[in-house]
Amino acid sequence: MKTILYIAAGASILAGCAGEPAHRIPEQAAPPAKAPETHYSKGGGYYLDDGPGDNPPSNIASIPDAIPRQEPLIASCNKPYTALGKTYYPETRLAPYRAEGVASWYGRRYNGAKTSSGEVYDMYAMTAAHPTLPIPSYARVENLASGKSVVVRINDRGPFRSDRLIDLSYTAAYRLGILKGGSAKVAVESILPEAYSQTSAAHQAGGVYLQLGAFSEKINAEHFLEKHRLELAGYDPEVIGSGRLFKVHVGPFASREEAELTADKIAQSLDVRPVVMRQ
């Protein structure tokens, strides 16, 4: 009865911007017995009959990030609303944002349903739900344990649990490596399309690079470069980023194999292990 009441309450708390309800996060339940083991193991968690699709794409690991672009905001999607007794105040303009918290994901239970933006949810697209970031907008989500990051398009509202920051599509969660555990600690940083095109064009062209560190202050990233100036001679490292997150990158590389070889060389002389990243 508790689960039924929870779902009924969730279904009525928020009407989506196009007249449809935003996706809901019901209480957690055990995974079905026949979840595809290639993309999910029983060590993780998802909700009720949610989970991986029956026939996931074979190229899911290579599905590219969302590409930030200028889009008009949907005014009706960015008005204050109340969900599960809490009132949220979405941003009404694009602005710098960074927060750390727990990311979860949603899959087949909502696949094909309308999102808060009125668009159809595609669990294999690079999208996400966030309580207050503008719709539509873009954000980079970084798995703080592994350093992996993806760029997603925000087109839905949620999650509404107090211990969740963002809900990722199945593909975004797969690429961040959080399907097995069901959730992970992440950093979410908004992307301003104009700034993104200026600071990331070179990396987008190459596709693969090494991340040596991530810092909340640009001066700390510059101090890192100065400290390791001799060890990094010849690698042409640079600081990229804006707002509240600055990363030290080397690359881009023509292939992941080339990046991994360079990572091995750098790791021999630094006290950090570079992380291979794909934009």
Protein backbone atom coordinates (compact mmCIF):
# COMPACT_ATOMS: atom_id res chain seq x y z
CA MET A 1 0.00 0.00 0.00
CA LYS A 2 2.88 2.37 0.79
CA THR A 3 4.34 1.95 -2.70
CA ILE A 4 0.95 2.46 -4.35
CA LEU A 5 0.31 5.63 -2.38
CA TYR A 6 3.78 6.96 -3.23
CA ILE A 7 3.27 6.43 -6.94
CA ALA A 8 -0.21 7.97 -6.85
CA ALA A 9 1.15 11.05 -5.09
CA GLY A 10 4.02 11.33 -7.56
CA ALA A 11 1.68 11.13 -10.53
CA SER A 12 -0.27 14.18 -9.43
CA ILE A 13 2.31 16.59 -8.05
CA LEU A 14 3.67 18.09 -11.24
CA ALA A 15 2.13 18.63 -14.63
CA GLY A 16 4.75 18.72 -17.38
CA CYS A 17 5.29 21.81 -19.47
CA ALA A 18 3.44 20.32 -22.41
CA GLY A 19 0.56 19.06 -20.32
CA GLU A 20 2.14 15.72 -19.45
CA PRO A 21 3.63 14.67 -16.09
CA ALA A 22 7.37 14.73 -15.66
CA HIS A 23 9.01 11.38 -14.97
CA ARG A 24 8.60 9.96 -11.49
CA ILE A 25 10.95 8.12 -9.13
CA PRO A 26 8.93 5.58 -7.15
CA GLU A 27 10.26 3.54 -4.27
CA GLN A 28 13.15 1.19 -4.98
CA ALA A 29 12.46 -2.44 -5.71
CA ALA A 30 14.48 -5.50 -6.64
CA PRO A 31 15.58 -5.79 -10.31
CA PRO A 32 13.84 -8.28 -12.58
CA ALA A 33 15.43 -11.69 -12.85
CA LYS A 34 16.39 -11.37 -16.52
CA ALA A 35 18.10 -7.98 -16.74
CA PRO A 36 20.70 -8.03 -19.56
CA GLU A 37 23.97 -8.82 -17.84
CA THR A 38 26.04 -7.00 -20.46
CA HIS A 39 24.78 -3.63 -19.26
CA TYR A 40 23.61 -4.25 -15.72
CA SER A 41 24.28 -6.58 -12.80
CA LYS A 42 22.15 -7.26 -9.74
CA GLY A 43 24.58 -5.34 -7.57
CA GLY A 44 22.95 -2.11 -8.67
CA GLY A 45 19.50 -0.75 -8.20
CA TYR A 46 16.65 0.75 -10.12
CA TYR A 47 12.96 1.24 -9.54
CA LEU A 48 10.04 -1.16 -9.84
CA ASP A 49 9.90 -2.38 -13.45
CA ASP A 50 12.46 0.16 -14.63
CA GLY A 51 15.85 -0.91 -15.92
CA PRO A 52 17.72 -1.69 -19.14
CA GLY A 53 15.86 -2.20 -22.38
CA ASP A 54 15.50 -5.64 -23.89
CA ASN A 55 17.58 -4.82 -26.99
CA PRO A 56 20.06 -2.03 -26.24
CA PRO A 57 22.04 -0.64 -29.18
CA SER A 58 25.29 -2.45 -29.90
CA ASN A 59 27.16 0.86 -30.17
CA ILE A 60 25.99 2.35 -26.87
CA ALA A 61 29.54 3.04 -25.70
CA SER A 62 30.18 5.24 -28.74
CA ILE A 63 26.96 7.27 -28.68
CA PRO A 64 28.30 10.84 -28.69
CA ASP A 65 27.70 13.54 -26.11
CA ALA A 66 24.97 16.08 -26.59
CA ILE A 67 26.33 19.08 -28.48
CA PRO A 68 25.47 22.37 -26.74
CA ARG A 69 23.74 24.85 -29.01
CA GLN A 70 21.72 27.99 -28.62
CA GLU A 71 18.05 27.14 -27.99
CA PRO A 72 15.18 29.30 -26.79
CA LEU A 73 14.13 28.44 -23.25
CA ILE A 74 10.58 27.15 -22.76
CA ALA A 75 9.05 29.67 -20.37
CA SER A 76 6.29 27.34 -19.18
CA CYS A 77 8.88 24.75 -18.17
CA ASN A 78 10.82 27.14 -15.96
CA LYS A 79 8.10 28.33 -13.61
CA PRO A 80 8.08 27.47 -9.86
CA TYR A 81 6.42 24.14 -9.09
CA THR A 82 5.86 21.86 -6.12
CA ALA A 83 6.77 18.16 -5.98
CA LEU A 84 6.48 15.87 -2.96
CA GLY A 85 5.79 18.84 -0.72
CA LYS A 86 8.82 20.85 -1.82
CA THR A 87 8.72 23.94 -4.03
CA TYR A 88 11.37 24.30 -6.73
CA TYR A 89 12.37 27.51 -8.50
CA PRO A 90 13.90 26.74 -11.89
CA GLU A 91 16.39 29.12 -13.45
CA THR A 92 14.83 31.32 -16.11
CA ARG A 93 18.08 32.12 -17.89
CA LEU A 94 21.33 30.36 -18.72
CA ALA A 95 23.88 31.01 -15.99
CA PRO A 96 26.94 29.33 -14.42
CA TYR A 97 26.02 26.47 -12.11
CA ARG A 98 28.03 23.76 -10.38
CA ALA A 99 26.99 21.31 -7.69
CA GLU A 100 28.06 17.94 -6.37
CA GLY A 101 25.65 15.21 -5.38
CA VAL A 102 24.29 11.80 -6.32
CA ALA A 103 23.27 10.88 -9.86
CA SER A 104 20.80 8.12 -10.60
CA TRP A 105 19.29 7.01 -13.90
CA TYR A 106 15.97 6.08 -15.45
CA GLY A 107 15.32 3.65 -18.27
CA ARG A 108 12.65 1.53 -19.86
CA ARG A 109 9.83 2.42 -17.42
CA TYR A 110 9.76 5.93 -18.94
CA ASN A 111 11.08 5.19 -22.42
CA GLY A 112 8.66 6.66 -24.96
CA ALA A 113 6.80 8.78 -22.38
CA LYS A 114 6.75 12.55 -22.58
CA THR A 115 9.35 14.50 -20.62
CA SER A 116 8.64 17.81 -18.90
CA SER A 117 9.67 19.59 -22.11
CA GLY A 118 6.99 17.71 -24.05
CA GLU A 119 9.64 15.74 -25.95
CA VAL A 120 9.53 11.96 -25.96
CA TYR A 121 12.02 10.37 -23.58
CA ASP A 122 14.63 8.28 -25.37
CA MET A 123 16.68 6.25 -22.89
CA TYR A 124 19.43 5.91 -25.51
CA ALA A 125 19.85 9.66 -26.04
CA MET A 126 22.23 11.85 -24.03
CA THR A 127 19.67 13.60 -21.85
CA ALA A 128 18.96 14.14 -18.16
CA ALA A 129 16.40 15.43 -15.66
CA HIS A 130 17.24 18.16 -13.16
CA PRO A 131 14.95 19.96 -10.68
CA THR A 132 15.99 23.54 -11.47
CA LEU A 133 18.33 23.89 -14.46
CA PRO A 134 16.62 25.64 -17.39
CA ILE A 135 14.76 23.58 -19.97
CA PRO A 136 16.34 23.13 -22.39
CA SER A 137 19.96 23.54 -21.36
CA TYR A 138 23.20 21.58 -21.29
CA ALA A 139 25.43 20.29 -18.51
CA ARG A 140 28.60 18.34 -18.07
CA VAL A 141 28.30 15.49 -15.55
CA GLU A 142 31.50 14.04 -14.09
CA ASN A 143 31.78 10.80 -12.16
CA LEU A 144 33.96 11.95 -9.26
CA ALA A 145 35.27 8.45 -8.57
CA SER A 146 36.50 7.73 -12.10
CA GLY A 147 36.91 11.15 -13.72
CA LYS A 148 34.71 10.14 -16.65
CA SER A 149 32.42 12.87 -17.90
CA VAL A 150 29.58 13.30 -20.39
CA VAL A 151 27.60 16.21 -21.79
CA VAL A 152 23.83 15.90 -21.53
CA ARG A 153 20.82 17.96 -22.57
CA ILE A 154 18.42 18.84 -19.75
CA ASN A 155 14.86 18.27 -20.99
CA ASP A 156 13.07 16.83 -17.94
CA ARG A 157 12.32 17.55 -14.28
CA GLY A 158 13.38 15.37 -11.36
CA PRO A 159 14.66 13.62 -9.36
CA PHE A 160 12.60 14.65 -6.33
CA ARG A 161 14.33 12.59 -3.66
CA SER A 162 16.38 14.72 -1.28
CA ASP A 163 19.47 12.55 -1.79
CA ARG A 164 19.52 12.89 -5.60
CA LEU A 165 20.93 15.71 -7.72
CA ILE A 166 20.29 14.55 -11.29
CA ASP A 167 18.66 11.69 -13.18
CA LEU A 168 20.58 10.52 -16.24
CA SER A 169 19.38 8.69 -19.31
CA TYR A 170 20.40 5.04 -19.55
CA THR A 171 23.11 5.83 -22.10
CA ALA A 172 24.59 8.70 -20.08
CA ALA A 173 24.72 6.47 -17.00
CA TYR A 174 26.31 3.68 -19.04
CA ARG A 175 29.05 5.93 -20.33
CA LEU A 176 29.74 7.23 -16.81
CA GLY A 177 29.99 3.67 -15.51
CA ILE A 178 27.23 3.93 -12.90
CA LEU A 179 24.71 1.35 -14.12
CA LYS A 180 25.98 -1.44 -11.88
CA GLY A 181 25.79 0.59 -8.69
CA GLY A 182 22.60 2.38 -9.69
CA SER A 183 23.98 5.75 -8.56
CA ALA A 184 27.24 7.60 -8.05
CA LYS A 185 28.66 10.85 -6.68
CA VAL A 186 28.98 13.36 -9.49
CA ALA A 187 29.69 16.99 -10.25
CA VAL A 188 27.17 18.77 -12.47
CA GLU A 189 28.27 21.92 -14.27
CA SER A 190 26.10 23.95 -16.60
CA ILE A 191 27.41 24.64 -20.09
CA LEU A 192 26.88 27.96 -21.80
CA PRO A 193 26.80 27.15 -25.54
CA GLU A 194 28.90 30.16 -26.60
CA ALA A 195 31.62 29.48 -24.03
CA TYR A 196 31.56 25.78 -24.86
CA SER A 197 32.22 26.37 -28.53
CA GLN A 198 35.14 28.64 -27.70
CA THR A 199 36.89 26.48 -25.10
CA SER A 200 36.19 22.98 -26.39
CA ALA A 201 36.45 23.17 -30.17
CA ALA A 202 39.97 21.74 -30.31
CA HIS A 203 39.10 18.87 -28.00
CA GLN A 204 35.91 18.07 -29.88
CA ALA A 205 37.94 17.76 -33.07
CA GLY A 206 40.37 15.22 -31.61
CA GLY A 207 37.86 13.39 -29.46
CA VAL A 208 40.27 11.83 -26.93
CA TYR A 209 42.42 13.56 -24.35
CA LEU A 210 43.96 13.10 -20.89
CA GLN A 211 42.68 14.83 -17.80
CA LEU A 212 45.42 15.42 -15.24
CA GLY A 213 43.33 17.23 -12.67
CA ALA A 214 40.17 19.26 -12.00
CA PHE A 215 40.11 22.36 -9.79
CA SER A 216 37.46 24.75 -8.52
CA GLU A 217 39.87 27.70 -8.85
CA LYS A 218 41.79 28.50 -12.02
CA ILE A 219 44.84 29.57 -10.01
CA ASN A 220 45.10 26.09 -8.50
CA ALA A 221 45.11 24.53 -11.96
CA GLU A 222 47.88 26.93 -12.98
CA HIS A 223 49.86 26.08 -9.83
CA PHE A 224 49.54 22.38 -10.76
CA LEU A 225 51.01 23.10 -14.19
CA GLU A 226 53.85 25.12 -12.70
CA LYS A 227 54.64 22.40 -10.15
CA HIS A 228 54.89 19.77 -12.88
CA ARG A 229 56.37 21.97 -15.59
CA LEU A 230 59.45 19.79 -16.07
CA GLU A 231 57.57 16.47 -16.05
CA LEU A 232 55.05 17.77 -18.61
CA ALA A 233 57.56 19.39 -20.95
CA GLY A 234 56.70 18.43 -24.50
CA TYR A 235 53.08 17.47 -23.76
CA ASP A 236 51.57 20.97 -24.15
CA PRO A 237 49.08 20.79 -21.26
CA GLU A 238 46.41 23.49 -21.00
CA VAL A 239 43.79 24.69 -18.58
CA ILE A 240 40.26 24.70 -19.98
CA GLY A 241 36.96 25.54 -18.36
CA SER A 242 34.98 28.44 -17.10
CA GLY A 243 32.83 29.35 -14.14
CA ARG A 244 33.60 27.02 -11.26
CA LEU A 245 35.56 24.11 -12.75
CA PHE A 246 38.96 24.21 -14.43
CA LYS A 247 40.62 21.11 -15.85
CA VAL A 248 44.19 20.39 -16.89
CA HIS A 249 44.12 18.54 -20.21
CA VAL A 250 46.68 17.02 -22.55
CA GLY A 251 45.66 16.26 -26.12
CA PRO A 252 43.64 15.75 -28.19
CA PHE A 253 44.90 12.38 -29.43
CA ALA A 254 44.09 10.56 -32.64
CA SER A 255 43.05 7.40 -30.76
CA ARG A 256 42.42 6.04 -27.29
CA GLU A 257 45.43 3.76 -27.66
CA GLU A 258 47.72 6.75 -28.23
CA ALA A 259 46.21 8.50 -25.21
CA GLU A 260 46.73 5.46 -22.99
CA LEU A 261 50.38 5.17 -24.02
CA THR A 262 50.91 8.83 -23.15
CA ALA A 263 49.09 8.33 -19.83
CA ASP A 264 51.51 5.53 -18.94
CA LYS A 265 54.48 7.77 -19.65
CA ILE A 266 53.12 10.69 -17.63
CA ALA A 267 52.18 8.44 -14.71
CA GLN A 268 55.81 7.34 -14.41
CA SER A 269 56.90 10.86 -13.54
CA LEU A 270 53.79 12.32 -11.82
CA ASP A 271 52.08 11.41 -8.56
CA VAL A 272 48.73 11.23 -10.39
CA ARG A 273 47.36 8.85 -12.98
CA PRO A 274 45.93 10.70 -16.01
CA VAL A 275 42.39 9.75 -16.93
CA VAL A 276 41.56 9.03 -20.56
CA MET A 277 38.51 11.08 -21.53
CA ARG A 278 36.33 11.15 -24.61
CA GLN A 279 34.46 14.30 -25.54
